[in-house]
Structure formats: C-alpha cells, structure tokens
Amino acid sequence: MSRIYSLLSVLLGAISVTVLIYLMTIGVLRRFDNAVVIIAFLLAVILLFTGIASFFFKHSKRNRATIIVLIVSLALFAIGVSLKFLQRPGAGICIMVGALALSFTYTPLRFLDKYQKWKSYSLSSNDALYLSLFDLLGSVMLFLGVLFKIMHWPGAIVLMSLGALLLVISMIGWNRKFQSEVIARKKMQDDLAAAHHALSESHKEVKDSINYAKRIQAVYLPPQQKFDELFSDGFIFFQPKDVVSGDFYWFFNAGAQEGKSSDEYLLAVADCTGHGVPGAIMSVICCNALNDVVVTRKIYDPATILDEARKIIVRTMKSETGNGQKDGMDIALIKWNKSTGQLIFAGANNPGWIYRHASNTIEVLPAHKQPVGYFERAEPFVNASIALQSKDMVFLFSDGFADQFGGPRGKKFKYSALQEILIQNAHLPTDAQAQLLQDVLDNWKGDLEQVDDITLIGFRA
C-alpha cells in the first residue's frame, strides 16, 4: 500500500510541475506575485521528490538508492553551477533539480538511515528521532538557501541561516548525546562486570559444592576394583546426567564382610526420584536404607530387603500417611549363588534381563509395578527364582538408556533396541560390551542433551 501512495505522490508531483511550467511558459502566472509562484512550484517539486524518496523507505536496496540519488543530485548541481558560470542555457534547471533532489529525496533517505541506526544503538530512541529531525530540517533549509541564493530568489539568507543554526544545534545535541551514552554505557558495563564477577563467584561456590557432593556420593558407590573381584566377568556402565547422579549401583558379599568365603552375592541397580543434586540426596537416603537392612540387620532375601528398605525410606521422608514426600527409588535387585547358578530376583518398577546363551534370547524378570517408597496400594515384594546356565549373562539397568532421545527423528532409544544390542554383542568380552554401549549411546544422542542418569550393569555366569 505504501508503494501505491509513493507512486501517486510522484505522479501528482510530476503533473503539478508540468502544469506550472506550462502556465509559466504561456504567461498565465505573470499576474501572480513571484513569491506565490515560487512557493507553488516548490510544493509541487517537494511532492515529486518526497514521493521518490518514500518509494525506497522499505525497499531492500534503500542504501544503494540513497548513494545513487546523492551522486546524481551533486552531479546535476555541479553541472548547473558550471553552466551558470559559463553563461550557458539550462543552468537554472540543473541547479534546481539537483538542489531539490538533495533536499527532498536524498535528505529524507539519509534521515531514515541515521534514525534507524541510532535508534538501535541509543538508550533513548526519542533522542535519536529528535536529533535526526534537526539534521533533516537543517539540511533541507541549507540546501534550499543555497538554491535561492544562486537563483537570486528572496529569503536565501534567512533559509541558510536557519539551516546552519539547526545543524549547529543538532551537532551540539549529538555531541551531548554521545557523551551521555558513553557515560551510561560505561556504568552499565561496570554494573555488568560486577554482576558477572558475583555470578562467577556464586557459580564457583555451587560448582565446588556439587563436586564435593560427588565425592560424598562416591563413598556410597562401591569401587570398581571390588566389583571386579566379585564379578570377574562383568562391566559397569555408569553415566550421570549431571555431576552427581540419582542412579546408583550397590553390591554386597556377606562372607567378605565377615572374613569368610561365600559364593552368594547381592547386586542392585537403583534409580531414585530426580537427577542431579536432588537425585543424589535421594540416592544417599536409599543407599543407606539398603545398607541398614543388609549390612546392619543381615537380611539377605531380595524381596524382604525391598520391603524393609521401603519402611525406612517412608519413615525418613515422613510419608507414612501420604502427606510427606513421596519420593523413593525404582530398583532391580538379585541374589546370585555363583556355585549353584541359582539367581533370586526382586524388582520395583525396574525388571532384570537374563541373556540365554543357548537360545541367543533375552528372558525378562518382571518387576512389581510399585516403587520402594510411599505407594497407596503397596504390596509385599515377591521373589522370582531362576537357574543360570554357563555363559548366560545378567543385565540390570535404570531407564536412562532406553529413554534417551536421539537418532534421525529425535525419538527414544527404547528397550527393544537395547535388548537387540545386548543380544548381538553378548558374545564379546564384557569390557568390549561396555565400550560398544558407549559408542551406541554417543551416536544415538548426537548433539542432543542427555535426558537422565544412565546405569547398566552386566556380568556373565
């Protein structure tokens, strides 16, 4: 719509200029005062040239048009002055077109460029608008004053004086604005630097606290060396989402604690509510519950361990009536007799998987659909017993790997794909399996963020 108005303005201005020139040629305008004729002519020309300028206001090539208008206007003006000096015909029209194009085409375009530039840089867009307007009016008056002077029209000195005055005021205003902007921005930079320093200090304190929390949590995680002693042909794949984790793994050998030889081992992978610092706090609470039941009270039956751990967690979280915190953990827990191959499993929301070497399939050990924590319809946990054969593998895990988003469509990895990976590579040494899981996860995740803590433990019978 603005383009239509611009074209109409150009058309109307061109018609008006043509009519006025024609009327002057046939002498009709001689009866009017010279000032009236000049003003009418200037208004028509202003309409013509501002229409040309407005056509480029929203044009993608406005900057190029501004430069072209400037060059053409100055060239016409210079040609007109040269012709006037040489007393050749056509001097007046060249001078007028050049000066008017400078005043009403180049100057509005230059005004718009300057205003839009300083509006984005300035702390006050109104200041930039007022000062740009002073520039516009001062330039127009100065150009018109020069035109009037050369053409010997009345009012030249007044126009030139007003134009020069407005430009001086504008220059002083821009200078003051630059000074105030520099002072204001320096203050902003100082405030920003102070805020950045305070934020850095705060971030360092938080980071140090989290790293210390990681060291505390590491105390609760059994060492890799101990795992290798108890499960000689196994691996631990443990990758927290943050520095500290809501997942934890836990294992225990009653005979080792008492200085005796025992072939019965307890092994668990747990996923506590949350991740990061909140998850890590829950992991300490839940790990303490397991230690209290197993180490202190010497209860080794998986289902009973989960029942007793639930009582401790519910009591700790003050959620006996359901009014306190309802956090807890999902867990897969086994007791394995290395000599007989007998495995007893109890799970809370998290199942266990048995890879059967003979059939190259995975057998699922189902978990109870309830957490170890407050649950309105809580029931006693029940054991599942299974006999392992030579070269079978046991896998315990949290849901982090299967729930990781990635791939070409940004979807979850899913349990079925994880089962397929484990089946295809169960024949490999366990350390190679762990490395392959890392490669698969990295390739699947790509540039996406890890969504949850990831824990997966496997060992061969």
Protein backbone atom coordinates (compact mmCIF):
# COMPACT_ATOMS: atom_id res chain seq x y z
CA MET A 1 0.00 0.00 0.00
CA SER A 2 2.85 2.44 0.81
CA ARG A 3 4.29 1.83 -2.67
CA ILE A 4 0.97 2.90 -4.22
CA TYR A 5 0.92 6.13 -2.19
CA SER A 6 4.52 6.82 -3.24
CA LEU A 7 3.72 6.32 -6.91
CA LEU A 8 0.62 8.53 -6.62
CA SER A 9 2.73 11.24 -4.99
CA VAL A 10 5.31 11.04 -7.76
CA LEU A 11 2.59 11.13 -10.42
CA LEU A 12 0.76 14.07 -8.83
CA GLY A 13 4.00 15.99 -8.29
CA ALA A 14 5.13 15.41 -11.88
CA ILE A 15 1.75 16.59 -13.24
CA SER A 16 1.82 19.66 -10.98
CA VAL A 17 5.35 20.62 -12.04
CA THR A 18 4.48 20.11 -15.71
CA VAL A 19 1.34 22.25 -15.44
CA LEU A 20 3.15 25.04 -13.59
CA ILE A 21 5.98 25.10 -16.16
CA TYR A 22 3.42 25.20 -18.97
CA LEU A 23 1.49 28.04 -17.31
CA MET A 24 4.73 29.99 -16.81
CA THR A 25 5.62 29.42 -20.46
CA ILE A 26 2.36 30.86 -21.79
CA GLY A 27 2.49 33.73 -19.31
CA VAL A 28 -0.60 32.89 -17.28
CA LEU A 29 1.32 33.12 -13.96
CA ARG A 30 2.63 36.64 -14.62
CA ARG A 31 -0.40 38.12 -12.89
CA PHE A 32 0.56 36.35 -9.63
CA ASP A 33 3.16 37.51 -7.14
CA ASN A 34 6.60 35.90 -7.66
CA ALA A 35 6.63 34.50 -4.11
CA VAL A 36 3.32 32.70 -4.71
CA VAL A 37 4.58 31.18 -7.93
CA ILE A 38 7.85 30.05 -6.29
CA ILE A 39 6.04 28.51 -3.33
CA ALA A 40 3.57 26.67 -5.60
CA PHE A 41 6.42 25.39 -7.74
CA LEU A 42 8.42 24.27 -4.68
CA LEU A 43 5.42 22.45 -3.21
CA ALA A 44 4.91 20.56 -6.45
CA VAL A 45 8.58 19.63 -6.64
CA ILE A 46 8.63 18.63 -2.96
CA LEU A 47 5.67 16.33 -3.63
CA LEU A 48 7.52 14.79 -6.57
CA PHE A 49 10.85 14.23 -4.83
CA THR A 50 9.47 13.06 -1.46
CA GLY A 51 7.36 10.56 -3.39
CA ILE A 52 10.55 9.20 -4.95
CA ALA A 53 12.19 9.04 -1.51
CA SER A 54 9.23 7.30 0.15
CA PHE A 55 9.25 4.67 -2.60
CA PHE A 56 12.59 3.44 -1.18
CA PHE A 57 11.73 3.72 2.53
CA LYS A 58 11.01 -0.02 2.86
CA HIS A 59 12.95 -1.15 -0.18
CA SER A 60 15.71 -3.75 0.24
CA LYS A 61 18.06 -1.59 -1.87
CA ARG A 62 17.44 1.66 0.00
CA ASN A 63 21.13 2.19 0.85
CA ARG A 64 22.14 1.85 -2.79
CA ALA A 65 19.33 4.19 -3.88
CA THR A 66 20.50 6.78 -1.33
CA ILE A 67 24.03 6.76 -2.75
CA ILE A 68 22.77 6.97 -6.35
CA VAL A 69 20.47 9.91 -5.52
CA LEU A 70 23.36 11.72 -3.82
CA ILE A 71 25.69 11.24 -6.79
CA VAL A 72 23.05 12.27 -9.35
CA SER A 73 21.97 15.30 -7.31
CA LEU A 74 25.51 16.58 -6.80
CA ALA A 75 26.33 15.97 -10.46
CA LEU A 76 23.29 17.96 -11.62
CA PHE A 77 24.05 20.74 -9.16
CA ALA A 78 27.70 20.91 -10.26
CA ILE A 79 26.68 20.90 -13.94
CA GLY A 80 24.19 23.69 -13.29
CA VAL A 81 26.77 25.84 -11.48
CA SER A 82 29.26 25.26 -14.32
CA LEU A 83 26.69 26.22 -16.95
CA LYS A 84 25.76 29.34 -14.97
CA PHE A 85 29.44 30.31 -14.71
CA LEU A 86 29.84 29.77 -18.45
CA GLN A 87 26.55 31.59 -19.06
CA ARG A 88 25.10 28.69 -20.96
CA PRO A 89 21.41 27.73 -21.11
CA GLY A 90 19.98 25.05 -18.83
CA ALA A 91 21.93 26.17 -15.77
CA GLY A 92 18.86 27.07 -13.72
CA ILE A 93 17.00 23.83 -14.27
CA CYS A 94 20.07 21.70 -13.44
CA ILE A 95 20.74 23.66 -10.25
CA MET A 96 17.09 23.48 -9.18
CA VAL A 97 16.70 19.74 -9.85
CA GLY A 98 19.99 18.94 -8.12
CA ALA A 99 19.26 21.07 -5.06
CA LEU A 100 15.68 19.88 -4.72
CA ALA A 101 16.69 16.24 -5.16
CA LEU A 102 19.27 16.73 -2.40
CA SER A 103 16.67 18.40 -0.17
CA PHE A 104 13.65 16.15 -0.68
CA THR A 105 14.98 12.78 -1.87
CA TYR A 106 18.49 12.28 -0.52
CA THR A 107 17.92 14.03 2.82
CA PRO A 108 14.78 12.04 3.83
CA LEU A 109 16.53 8.78 2.93
CA ARG A 110 19.61 9.81 4.89
CA PHE A 111 17.39 10.82 7.82
CA LEU A 112 15.72 7.41 7.87
CA ASP A 113 19.06 5.56 7.76
CA LYS A 114 20.51 7.66 10.56
CA TYR A 115 17.44 7.37 12.76
CA GLN A 116 17.09 3.60 12.37
CA LYS A 117 20.80 3.10 13.02
CA TRP A 118 20.97 5.21 16.19
CA LYS A 119 17.57 4.05 17.42
CA SER A 120 19.00 0.56 17.88
CA TYR A 121 22.26 1.79 19.40
CA SER A 122 20.79 4.51 21.60
CA LEU A 123 19.43 4.15 25.12
CA SER A 124 16.66 6.61 24.13
CA SER A 125 15.07 6.24 20.69
CA ASN A 126 13.24 9.59 21.13
CA ASP A 127 16.57 11.43 21.39
CA ALA A 128 17.72 9.82 18.16
CA LEU A 129 14.44 10.84 16.45
CA TYR A 130 14.59 14.50 17.54
CA LEU A 131 18.24 14.91 16.62
CA SER A 132 17.72 13.22 13.24
CA LEU A 133 14.80 15.58 12.57
CA PHE A 134 17.02 18.58 13.35
CA ASP A 135 19.53 17.18 10.86
CA LEU A 136 16.77 16.77 8.27
CA LEU A 137 15.30 20.26 8.65
CA GLY A 138 18.70 21.93 8.86
CA SER A 139 19.95 20.18 5.72
CA VAL A 140 16.79 20.98 3.75
CA MET A 141 16.90 24.67 4.75
CA LEU A 142 20.60 24.93 3.96
CA PHE A 143 20.23 23.30 0.51
CA LEU A 144 17.20 25.49 -0.29
CA GLY A 145 19.05 28.58 0.92
CA VAL A 146 21.94 27.83 -1.43
CA LEU A 147 19.44 27.28 -4.25
CA PHE A 148 17.65 30.56 -3.50
CA LYS A 149 20.98 32.38 -3.34
CA ILE A 150 22.19 31.09 -6.68
CA MET A 151 18.82 31.73 -8.30
CA HIS A 152 18.61 35.20 -6.69
CA TRP A 153 15.30 34.41 -5.03
CA PRO A 154 14.22 36.22 -1.88
CA GLY A 155 14.70 34.64 1.55
CA ALA A 156 18.00 32.92 0.77
CA ILE A 157 19.91 34.39 3.71
CA VAL A 158 17.11 33.52 6.12
CA LEU A 159 16.95 29.89 4.92
CA MET A 160 20.73 29.45 5.00
CA SER A 161 20.97 30.99 8.46
CA LEU A 162 18.14 28.84 9.88
CA GLY A 163 19.62 25.71 8.27
CA ALA A 164 23.08 26.41 9.65
CA LEU A 165 21.62 27.15 13.09
CA LEU A 166 19.64 23.88 13.16
CA LEU A 167 22.70 21.90 12.05
CA VAL A 168 24.84 23.53 14.78
CA ILE A 169 22.15 22.74 17.38
CA SER A 170 21.98 19.18 16.04
CA MET A 171 25.77 18.81 16.19
CA ILE A 172 25.83 20.05 19.80
CA GLY A 173 22.93 17.72 20.64
CA TRP A 174 24.65 14.70 19.08
CA ASN A 175 27.84 15.53 20.96
CA ARG A 176 25.97 15.73 24.27
CA LYS A 177 24.11 12.54 23.45
CA PHE A 178 27.32 10.69 22.67
CA GLN A 179 28.82 11.83 25.97
CA SER A 180 25.74 10.76 27.96
CA GLU A 181 25.58 7.46 26.07
CA VAL A 182 29.25 6.75 26.79
CA ILE A 183 28.78 7.52 30.49
CA ALA A 184 25.59 5.45 30.69
CA ARG A 185 27.10 2.51 28.84
CA LYS A 186 30.26 2.68 30.94
CA LYS A 187 28.09 2.46 34.05
CA MET A 188 26.18 -0.43 32.51
CA GLN A 189 29.45 -2.20 31.69
CA ASP A 190 30.73 -1.65 35.23
CA ASP A 191 27.46 -2.96 36.68
CA LEU A 192 27.56 -5.90 34.27
CA ALA A 193 31.17 -6.66 35.18
CA ALA A 194 30.31 -6.56 38.88
CA ALA A 195 27.27 -8.80 38.32
CA HIS A 196 29.40 -11.17 36.22
CA HIS A 197 32.02 -11.34 38.94
CA ALA A 198 29.38 -12.04 41.59
CA LEU A 199 27.79 -14.66 39.34
CA SER A 200 31.17 -16.27 38.69
CA GLU A 201 31.87 -16.44 42.41
CA SER A 202 28.43 -17.86 43.05
CA HIS A 203 28.86 -20.37 40.21
CA LYS A 204 32.25 -21.41 41.59
CA GLU A 205 30.76 -21.95 45.04
CA VAL A 206 27.91 -24.02 43.60
CA LYS A 207 30.30 -25.99 41.40
CA ASP A 208 32.63 -26.65 44.33
CA SER A 209 29.66 -27.76 46.44
CA ILE A 210 28.44 -30.13 43.72
CA ASN A 211 31.94 -31.55 43.21
CA TYR A 212 32.19 -32.13 46.95
CA ALA A 213 28.77 -33.78 46.84
CA LYS A 214 30.13 -36.01 44.08
CA ARG A 215 32.99 -37.10 46.36
CA ILE A 216 30.49 -37.84 49.13
CA GLN A 217 28.30 -39.83 46.76
CA ALA A 218 31.36 -41.74 45.52
CA VAL A 219 31.81 -43.06 49.06
CA TYR A 220 28.44 -44.80 48.74
CA LEU A 221 29.24 -46.30 45.34
CA PRO A 222 31.31 -49.50 45.72
CA PRO A 223 34.70 -49.29 43.99
CA GLN A 224 35.21 -50.80 40.54
CA GLN A 225 38.04 -52.95 41.90
CA LYS A 226 35.68 -54.61 44.39
CA PHE A 227 33.14 -55.25 41.64
CA ASP A 228 35.85 -56.90 39.50
CA GLU A 229 36.73 -59.19 42.43
CA LEU A 230 33.14 -60.34 42.96
CA PHE A 231 32.00 -60.33 39.32
CA SER A 232 35.18 -61.12 37.41
CA ASP A 233 33.48 -61.27 34.02
CA GLY A 234 31.28 -58.17 34.15
CA PHE A 235 31.06 -54.41 33.49
CA ILE A 236 29.54 -51.26 34.94
CA PHE A 237 28.22 -48.64 32.52
CA PHE A 238 27.50 -45.59 34.67
CA GLN A 239 26.93 -42.15 33.11
CA PRO A 240 25.22 -39.49 35.26
CA LYS A 241 23.29 -36.73 33.51
CA ASP A 242 24.92 -34.14 35.77
CA VAL A 243 27.96 -34.18 38.05
CA VAL A 244 26.07 -36.15 40.68
CA SER A 245 23.52 -38.85 40.00
CA GLY A 246 20.10 -40.08 41.07
CA ASP A 247 21.11 -43.57 39.89
CA PHE A 248 23.35 -45.75 41.99
CA TYR A 249 24.60 -49.32 41.93
CA TRP A 250 25.15 -51.45 45.01
CA PHE A 251 26.58 -54.89 45.71
CA PHE A 252 27.42 -56.94 48.78
CA ASN A 253 29.04 -60.22 49.78
CA ALA A 254 28.22 -61.39 53.31
CA GLY A 255 31.18 -63.72 53.52
CA ALA A 256 33.65 -60.99 52.55
CA GLN A 257 32.32 -58.74 55.31
CA GLU A 258 32.77 -61.45 57.90
CA GLY A 259 36.13 -62.58 56.56
CA LYS A 260 34.72 -65.84 55.25
CA SER A 261 34.41 -67.36 51.82
CA SER A 262 30.94 -67.05 50.32
CA ASP A 263 29.60 -67.60 46.82
CA GLU A 264 26.41 -65.59 47.39
CA TYR A 265 26.36 -62.03 46.06
CA LEU A 266 23.78 -59.28 46.18
CA LEU A 267 23.71 -56.81 43.30
CA ALA A 268 21.34 -53.91 42.63
CA VAL A 269 20.83 -51.02 40.20
CA ALA A 270 18.57 -48.28 41.57
CA ASP A 271 17.00 -45.19 40.04
CA CYS A 272 15.96 -42.62 42.63
CA THR A 273 13.47 -39.80 42.18
CA GLY A 274 15.06 -36.93 40.23
CA HIS A 275 18.60 -36.42 39.00
CA GLY A 276 21.39 -34.00 39.78
CA VAL A 277 21.63 -32.79 43.38
CA PRO A 278 18.05 -33.77 44.41
CA GLY A 279 18.55 -37.24 42.91
CA ALA A 280 21.93 -37.57 44.62
CA ILE A 281 20.39 -36.76 48.02
CA MET A 282 17.74 -39.42 47.43
CA SER A 283 20.41 -41.91 46.34
CA VAL A 284 22.23 -41.43 49.67
CA ILE A 285 18.97 -41.97 51.59
CA CYS A 286 18.10 -45.10 49.58
CA CYS A 287 21.63 -46.50 49.69
CA ASN A 288 21.66 -46.01 53.47
CA ALA A 289 18.37 -47.92 53.66
CA LEU A 290 19.89 -50.89 51.79
CA ASN A 291 22.98 -50.83 53.99
CA ASP A 292 20.87 -50.71 57.14
CA VAL A 293 18.77 -53.70 56.07
CA VAL A 294 21.59 -55.84 54.65
CA VAL A 295 24.80 -54.85 56.42
CA THR A 296 23.44 -53.97 59.85
CA ARG A 297 20.44 -56.28 60.13
CA LYS A 298 21.89 -59.07 57.94
CA ILE A 299 18.79 -59.62 55.83
CA TYR A 300 19.77 -61.21 52.51
CA ASP A 301 16.45 -62.15 50.91
CA PRO A 302 15.79 -59.72 47.95
CA ALA A 303 12.04 -59.31 48.46
CA THR A 304 12.45 -58.81 52.22
CA ILE A 305 15.25 -56.31 51.61
CA LEU A 306 12.94 -54.19 49.45
CA ASP A 307 10.08 -54.43 51.98
CA GLU A 308 12.30 -53.31 54.86
CA ALA A 309 14.03 -50.62 52.79
CA ARG A 310 10.62 -49.21 51.88
CA LYS A 311 9.74 -48.87 55.58
CA ILE A 312 12.96 -46.95 56.23
CA ILE A 313 12.50 -44.61 53.23
CA VAL A 314 8.84 -43.92 54.08
CA ARG A 315 9.79 -43.16 57.65
CA THR A 316 12.74 -40.97 56.62
CA MET A 317 10.62 -38.97 54.16
CA LYS A 318 7.82 -38.69 56.78
CA SER A 319 5.29 -40.00 54.27
CA GLU A 320 3.59 -42.75 56.32
CA THR A 321 0.20 -41.09 55.75
CA GLY A 322 0.96 -39.89 52.24
CA ASN A 323 1.20 -36.26 53.37
CA GLY A 324 5.00 -36.04 53.27
CA GLN A 325 7.45 -36.54 50.40
CA LYS A 326 6.51 -39.46 48.15
CA ASP A 327 9.98 -39.92 46.72
CA GLY A 328 11.76 -43.24 46.63
CA MET A 329 13.51 -45.50 44.15
CA ASP A 330 12.94 -47.99 41.38
CA ILE A 331 15.32 -50.89 41.73
CA ALA A 332 16.35 -54.25 40.31
CA LEU A 333 17.94 -56.50 42.98
CA ILE A 334 19.36 -60.01 42.69
CA LYS A 335 20.98 -62.56 44.93
CA TRP A 336 23.26 -64.85 42.94
CA ASN A 337 24.89 -68.07 44.09
CA LYS A 338 27.99 -68.40 41.95
CA SER A 339 28.47 -72.09 42.77
CA THR A 340 24.96 -73.36 42.05
CA GLY A 341 23.97 -70.73 39.44
CA GLN A 342 20.76 -70.01 41.36
CA LEU A 343 19.53 -66.41 41.00
CA ILE A 344 16.76 -64.77 43.02
CA PHE A 345 15.29 -61.52 41.73
CA ALA A 346 13.03 -58.83 43.20
CA GLY A 347 12.28 -55.59 41.40
CA ALA A 348 10.43 -52.34 41.94
CA ASN A 349 9.33 -51.00 38.52
CA ASN A 350 12.70 -52.00 37.02
CA PRO A 351 12.93 -55.52 35.54
CA GLY A 352 16.01 -57.68 35.10
CA TRP A 353 17.15 -59.37 31.90
CA ILE A 354 18.80 -62.77 31.50
CA TYR A 355 20.63 -63.41 28.25
CA ARG A 356 20.33 -67.12 27.44
CA HIS A 357 23.46 -68.20 25.58
CA ALA A 358 21.93 -71.46 24.35
CA SER A 359 18.95 -69.81 22.61
CA ASN A 360 20.50 -66.35 21.98
CA THR A 361 17.46 -64.68 23.51
CA ILE A 362 16.68 -62.48 26.50
CA GLU A 363 14.41 -63.66 29.28
CA VAL A 364 12.71 -60.90 31.27
CA LEU A 365 12.46 -61.00 35.07
CA PRO A 366 9.31 -58.91 35.71
CA ALA A 367 9.27 -56.25 38.42
CA HIS A 368 6.44 -55.20 40.72
CA LYS A 369 4.64 -52.07 39.46
CA GLN A 370 5.40 -50.13 42.64
CA PRO A 371 8.38 -48.12 43.93
CA VAL A 372 10.41 -48.60 47.04
CA GLY A 373 8.79 -45.68 48.80
CA TYR A 374 5.31 -44.48 49.64
CA PHE A 375 2.65 -46.09 47.44
CA GLU A 376 -1.07 -46.09 48.14
CA ARG A 377 -1.58 -49.69 47.03
CA ALA A 378 1.71 -51.05 48.32
CA GLU A 379 2.04 -54.84 48.46
CA PRO A 380 4.85 -57.07 49.73
CA PHE A 381 7.54 -57.73 47.16
CA VAL A 382 7.85 -61.28 45.83
CA ASN A 383 10.97 -63.13 44.67
CA ALA A 384 11.44 -64.78 41.31
CA SER A 385 13.92 -67.66 41.16
CA ILE A 386 15.82 -68.77 38.07
CA ALA A 387 18.77 -71.05 37.29
CA LEU A 388 21.62 -69.63 35.22
CA GLN A 389 23.49 -71.76 32.71
CA SER A 390 27.10 -71.42 31.65
CA LYS A 391 27.76 -68.29 29.54
CA ASP A 392 24.38 -66.77 30.39
CA MET A 393 24.51 -63.08 31.22
CA VAL A 394 22.58 -60.97 33.73
CA PHE A 395 21.72 -57.32 32.97
CA LEU A 396 20.38 -54.81 35.50
CA PHE A 397 19.67 -51.24 34.46
CA SER A 398 17.83 -47.97 35.01
CA ASP A 399 15.55 -46.45 32.37
CA GLY A 400 18.04 -43.77 31.26
CA PHE A 401 19.47 -45.59 28.22
CA ALA A 402 16.11 -46.65 26.78
CA ASP A 403 14.59 -43.18 27.34
CA GLN A 404 17.41 -41.25 25.67
CA PHE A 405 16.25 -39.17 22.71
CA GLY A 406 18.25 -39.22 19.50
CA GLY A 407 18.55 -40.75 16.07
CA PRO A 408 17.42 -39.11 12.81
CA ARG A 409 13.92 -38.39 14.20
CA GLY A 410 14.82 -37.44 17.78
CA LYS A 411 12.89 -40.34 19.32
CA LYS A 412 13.55 -42.55 22.35
CA PHE A 413 16.04 -45.40 22.02
CA LYS A 414 13.53 -47.87 23.62
CA TYR A 415 14.01 -51.14 25.47
CA SER A 416 13.54 -53.31 22.37
CA ALA A 417 16.53 -51.68 20.67
CA LEU A 418 18.60 -52.06 23.84
CA GLN A 419 17.74 -55.75 24.02
CA GLU A 420 18.79 -56.19 20.40
CA ILE A 421 22.15 -54.52 21.04
CA LEU A 422 22.80 -56.72 24.08
CA ILE A 423 21.83 -59.91 22.23
CA GLN A 424 24.02 -59.10 19.23
CA ASN A 425 27.08 -58.42 21.38
CA ALA A 426 26.71 -60.77 24.35
CA HIS A 427 29.45 -62.99 22.91
CA LEU A 428 32.02 -60.16 23.24
CA PRO A 429 34.23 -59.67 26.30
CA THR A 430 32.41 -57.58 28.88
CA ASP A 431 34.78 -54.60 28.61
CA ALA A 432 34.14 -54.54 24.84
CA GLN A 433 30.40 -54.62 25.52
CA ALA A 434 30.71 -51.57 27.77
CA GLN A 435 32.66 -49.65 25.12
CA LEU A 436 30.14 -50.60 22.46
CA LEU A 437 27.27 -49.32 24.63
CA GLN A 438 29.13 -46.01 24.98
CA ASP A 439 29.59 -45.76 21.21
CA VAL A 440 25.96 -46.62 20.53
CA LEU A 441 24.76 -44.02 23.05
CA ASP A 442 27.03 -41.29 21.66
CA ASN A 443 25.98 -41.96 18.07
CA TRP A 444 22.29 -42.09 19.00
CA LYS A 445 22.34 -38.98 21.19
CA GLY A 446 24.35 -36.86 18.76
CA ASP A 447 24.10 -33.20 19.73
CA LEU A 448 21.04 -33.70 21.93
CA GLU A 449 21.26 -33.35 25.69
CA GLN A 450 21.33 -36.44 27.91
CA VAL A 451 17.87 -36.64 29.48
CA ASP A 452 18.51 -38.83 32.53
CA ASP A 453 21.12 -40.70 34.52
CA ILE A 454 22.18 -43.95 32.82
CA THR A 455 23.26 -47.12 34.60
CA LEU A 456 23.62 -50.61 33.14
CA ILE A 457 25.48 -53.50 34.77
CA GLY A 458 26.11 -56.86 33.16
CA PHE A 459 28.00 -59.97 34.20
CA ARG A 460 28.48 -63.46 32.78
CA ALA A 461 27.61 -66.56 34.83
